[in-house]
Amino acid sequence: MLQIQLGQDREVDPTTDPLGRDHVGYRPGMTEQEAWTAGRGTWVLKVDRALAQDEIQIVNLDGTVLAVGDILGVTKTREPGRYAIDGNLKLGDPRVGKPTATPHKSRNSVAYF
């Protein structure tokens, strides 16, 4: 599993964000779709390790699962060395809203389990 830990929510310029987002990071009350949009990119990651995983789990700093998805691939972004995860969000996954079974121990936002 690839796990992405979101930091605090912040505004970004959608004209310069590689995914056209206006916010990135975690904020209380966000939907699974919002967590997926915020969490799927853009990251410095090891492409081969990311592609070896079947699933992505997006968590907040407290370790609560915000969204779960299947990994189908990665896309290189216009930011050098950064990638976005391509996949399918698993809406309604029973792990959403619960503590992750694999706590994120790294200081990095990206972890591989």
C-alpha atoms as a PDB file:
ATOM      1  CA  MET A   1       0.000   0.000   0.000  1.00  0.00           C
ATOM      2  CA  LEU A   2       1.077   3.550  -0.758  1.00  0.00           C
ATOM      3  CA  GLN A   3       0.102   5.955   1.996  1.00  0.00           C
ATOM      4  CA  ILE A   4      -0.077   9.716   1.564  1.00  0.00           C
ATOM      5  CA  GLN A   5      -0.266  11.894   4.650  1.00  0.00           C
ATOM      6  CA  LEU A   6      -1.864  15.288   4.114  1.00  0.00           C
ATOM      7  CA  GLY A   7      -0.686  18.352   5.974  1.00  0.00           C
ATOM      8  CA  GLN A   8      -2.792  21.410   6.749  1.00  0.00           C
ATOM      9  CA  ASP A   9      -5.124  22.763   4.073  1.00  0.00           C
ATOM     10  CA  ARG A  10      -3.842  25.678   2.069  1.00  0.00           C
ATOM     11  CA  GLU A  11      -4.941  27.575  -0.986  1.00  0.00           C
ATOM     12  CA  VAL A  12      -3.047  27.200  -4.247  1.00  0.00           C
ATOM     13  CA  ASP A  13      -3.423  28.926  -7.588  1.00  0.00           C
ATOM     14  CA  PRO A  14      -5.323  26.588  -9.930  1.00  0.00           C
ATOM     15  CA  THR A  15      -3.614  28.174 -12.931  1.00  0.00           C
ATOM     16  CA  THR A  16      -0.216  27.042 -11.661  1.00  0.00           C
ATOM     17  CA  ASP A  17      -1.142  23.855  -9.791  1.00  0.00           C
ATOM     18  CA  PRO A  18      -0.314  20.862 -12.045  1.00  0.00           C
ATOM     19  CA  LEU A  19      -3.709  19.295 -11.286  1.00  0.00           C
ATOM     20  CA  GLY A  20      -5.700  22.536 -11.430  1.00  0.00           C
ATOM     21  CA  ARG A  21      -6.575  22.416  -7.731  1.00  0.00           C
ATOM     22  CA  ASP A  22      -7.444  25.470  -5.639  1.00  0.00           C
ATOM     23  CA  HIS A  23      -6.704  23.763  -2.283  1.00  0.00           C
ATOM     24  CA  VAL A  24      -4.289  21.088  -1.128  1.00  0.00           C
ATOM     25  CA  GLY A  25      -3.949  19.422   2.259  1.00  0.00           C
ATOM     26  CA  TYR A  26      -6.442  18.357   4.913  1.00  0.00           C
ATOM     27  CA  ARG A  27      -9.281  20.290   6.448  1.00  0.00           C
ATOM     28  CA  PRO A  28     -11.942  18.929   8.806  1.00  0.00           C
ATOM     29  CA  GLY A  29     -15.158  17.908   7.097  1.00  0.00           C
ATOM     30  CA  MET A  30     -13.706  17.254   3.674  1.00  0.00           C
ATOM     31  CA  THR A  31     -15.354  14.582   1.542  1.00  0.00           C
ATOM     32  CA  GLU A  32     -13.647  11.456   0.241  1.00  0.00           C
ATOM     33  CA  GLN A  33     -13.559  13.032  -3.224  1.00  0.00           C
ATOM     34  CA  GLU A  34     -11.914  16.181  -1.853  1.00  0.00           C
ATOM     35  CA  ALA A  35      -9.343  14.075   0.014  1.00  0.00           C
ATOM     36  CA  TRP A  36      -8.661  12.086  -3.156  1.00  0.00           C
ATOM     37  CA  THR A  37      -8.175  15.268  -5.191  1.00  0.00           C
ATOM     38  CA  ALA A  38      -5.889  16.766  -2.558  1.00  0.00           C
ATOM     39  CA  GLY A  39      -3.958  13.561  -1.908  1.00  0.00           C
ATOM     40  CA  ARG A  40      -3.322  11.993  -5.304  1.00  0.00           C
ATOM     41  CA  GLY A  41      -0.587  14.441  -6.255  1.00  0.00           C
ATOM     42  CA  THR A  42       1.844  15.958  -6.693  1.00  0.00           C
ATOM     43  CA  TRP A  43       4.563  14.074  -4.889  1.00  0.00           C
ATOM     44  CA  VAL A  44       8.216  13.198  -5.081  1.00  0.00           C
ATOM     45  CA  LEU A  45       7.984   9.430  -5.053  1.00  0.00           C
ATOM     46  CA  LYS A  46       9.710   6.304  -6.244  1.00  0.00           C
ATOM     47  CA  VAL A  47       7.693   5.433  -9.334  1.00  0.00           C
ATOM     48  CA  ASP A  48       8.641   1.739  -9.327  1.00  0.00           C
ATOM     49  CA  ARG A  49       7.640   1.384  -5.663  1.00  0.00           C
ATOM     50  CA  ALA A  50       4.389   3.283  -6.199  1.00  0.00           C
ATOM     51  CA  LEU A  51       3.484   1.110  -9.190  1.00  0.00           C
ATOM     52  CA  ALA A  52       4.243  -2.038  -7.182  1.00  0.00           C
ATOM     53  CA  GLN A  53       1.400  -1.111  -4.808  1.00  0.00           C
ATOM     54  CA  ASP A  54      -2.233  -1.964  -5.511  1.00  0.00           C
ATOM     55  CA  GLU A  55      -3.798   0.606  -3.241  1.00  0.00           C
ATOM     56  CA  ILE A  56      -3.388   4.173  -2.022  1.00  0.00           C
ATOM     57  CA  GLN A  57      -4.585   5.332   1.374  1.00  0.00           C
ATOM     58  CA  ILE A  58      -4.829   9.038   2.126  1.00  0.00           C
ATOM     59  CA  VAL A  59      -4.614   9.964   5.811  1.00  0.00           C
ATOM     60  CA  ASN A  60      -4.452  13.134   7.883  1.00  0.00           C
ATOM     61  CA  LEU A  61      -1.757  13.998  10.428  1.00  0.00           C
ATOM     62  CA  ASP A  62      -3.717  12.161  13.146  1.00  0.00           C
ATOM     63  CA  GLY A  63      -3.711   8.941  11.093  1.00  0.00           C
ATOM     64  CA  THR A  64      -7.399   8.983  10.215  1.00  0.00           C
ATOM     65  CA  VAL A  65      -8.156   7.469   6.811  1.00  0.00           C
ATOM     66  CA  LEU A  66      -9.683  10.089   4.524  1.00  0.00           C
ATOM     67  CA  ALA A  67      -9.852   8.168   1.242  1.00  0.00           C
ATOM     68  CA  VAL A  68      -8.831   4.846  -0.296  1.00  0.00           C
ATOM     69  CA  GLY A  69      -8.261   4.092  -3.956  1.00  0.00           C
ATOM     70  CA  ASP A  70      -6.850   1.586  -6.413  1.00  0.00           C
ATOM     71  CA  ILE A  71      -3.581   2.567  -8.092  1.00  0.00           C
ATOM     72  CA  LEU A  72      -3.702   2.261 -11.872  1.00  0.00           C
ATOM     73  CA  GLY A  73      -0.594   4.271 -12.717  1.00  0.00           C
ATOM     74  CA  VAL A  74       1.329   7.488 -12.173  1.00  0.00           C
ATOM     75  CA  THR A  75       1.557  10.632 -14.258  1.00  0.00           C
ATOM     76  CA  LYS A  76       4.632  12.806 -14.491  1.00  0.00           C
ATOM     77  CA  THR A  77       3.658  16.432 -13.822  1.00  0.00           C
ATOM     78  CA  ARG A  78       5.152  19.611 -15.219  1.00  0.00           C
ATOM     79  CA  GLU A  79       6.977  20.014 -11.917  1.00  0.00           C
ATOM     80  CA  PRO A  80      10.338  18.230 -12.290  1.00  0.00           C
ATOM     81  CA  GLY A  81      10.540  15.031 -10.242  1.00  0.00           C
ATOM     82  CA  ARG A  82       6.896  15.148  -9.124  1.00  0.00           C
ATOM     83  CA  TYR A  83       4.116  12.702  -9.919  1.00  0.00           C
ATOM     84  CA  ALA A  84       0.377  12.258  -9.483  1.00  0.00           C
ATOM     85  CA  ILE A  85      -1.309   8.957  -8.719  1.00  0.00           C
ATOM     86  CA  ASP A  86      -3.840   7.728 -11.261  1.00  0.00           C
ATOM     87  CA  GLY A  87      -6.514   5.421  -9.950  1.00  0.00           C
ATOM     88  CA  ASN A  88     -10.057   4.835  -8.833  1.00  0.00           C
ATOM     89  CA  LEU A  89     -11.422   6.219  -5.598  1.00  0.00           C
ATOM     90  CA  LYS A  90     -13.183   3.536  -3.530  1.00  0.00           C
ATOM     91  CA  LEU A  91     -16.115   5.619  -2.308  1.00  0.00           C
ATOM     92  CA  GLY A  92     -17.557   4.345   0.940  1.00  0.00           C
ATOM     93  CA  ASP A  93     -14.595   2.160   1.849  1.00  0.00           C
ATOM     94  CA  PRO A  94     -15.185   0.982   5.448  1.00  0.00           C
ATOM     95  CA  ARG A  95     -11.735   2.197   6.563  1.00  0.00           C
ATOM     96  CA  VAL A  96     -12.620   5.852   5.885  1.00  0.00           C
ATOM     97  CA  GLY A  97     -13.060   7.812   9.104  1.00  0.00           C
ATOM     98  CA  LYS A  98     -11.143   5.265  11.180  1.00  0.00           C
ATOM     99  CA  PRO A  99      -7.519   5.191  12.360  1.00  0.00           C
ATOM    100  CA  THR A 100      -5.217   3.597   9.807  1.00  0.00           C
ATOM    101  CA  ALA A 101      -4.002   0.082  10.554  1.00  0.00           C
ATOM    102  CA  THR A 102      -0.556   1.169   9.318  1.00  0.00           C
ATOM    103  CA  PRO A 103       0.430   4.343  11.180  1.00  0.00           C
ATOM    104  CA  HIS A 104       2.560   6.738   9.170  1.00  0.00           C
ATOM    105  CA  LYS A 105       5.912   6.874  10.995  1.00  0.00           C
ATOM    106  CA  SER A 106       7.867   8.795   8.370  1.00  0.00           C
ATOM    107  CA  ARG A 107       8.350  12.539   8.354  1.00  0.00           C
ATOM    108  CA  ASN A 108       7.809  12.343   4.613  1.00  0.00           C
ATOM    109  CA  SER A 109       4.304  12.620   3.220  1.00  0.00           C
ATOM    110  CA  VAL A 110       4.765   9.449   1.154  1.00  0.00           C
ATOM    111  CA  ALA A 111       5.187   6.010   2.735  1.00  0.00           C
ATOM    112  CA  TYR A 112       5.189   2.496   1.252  1.00  0.00           C
ATOM    113  CA  PHE A 113       3.815  -0.487   3.183  1.00  0.00           C
END
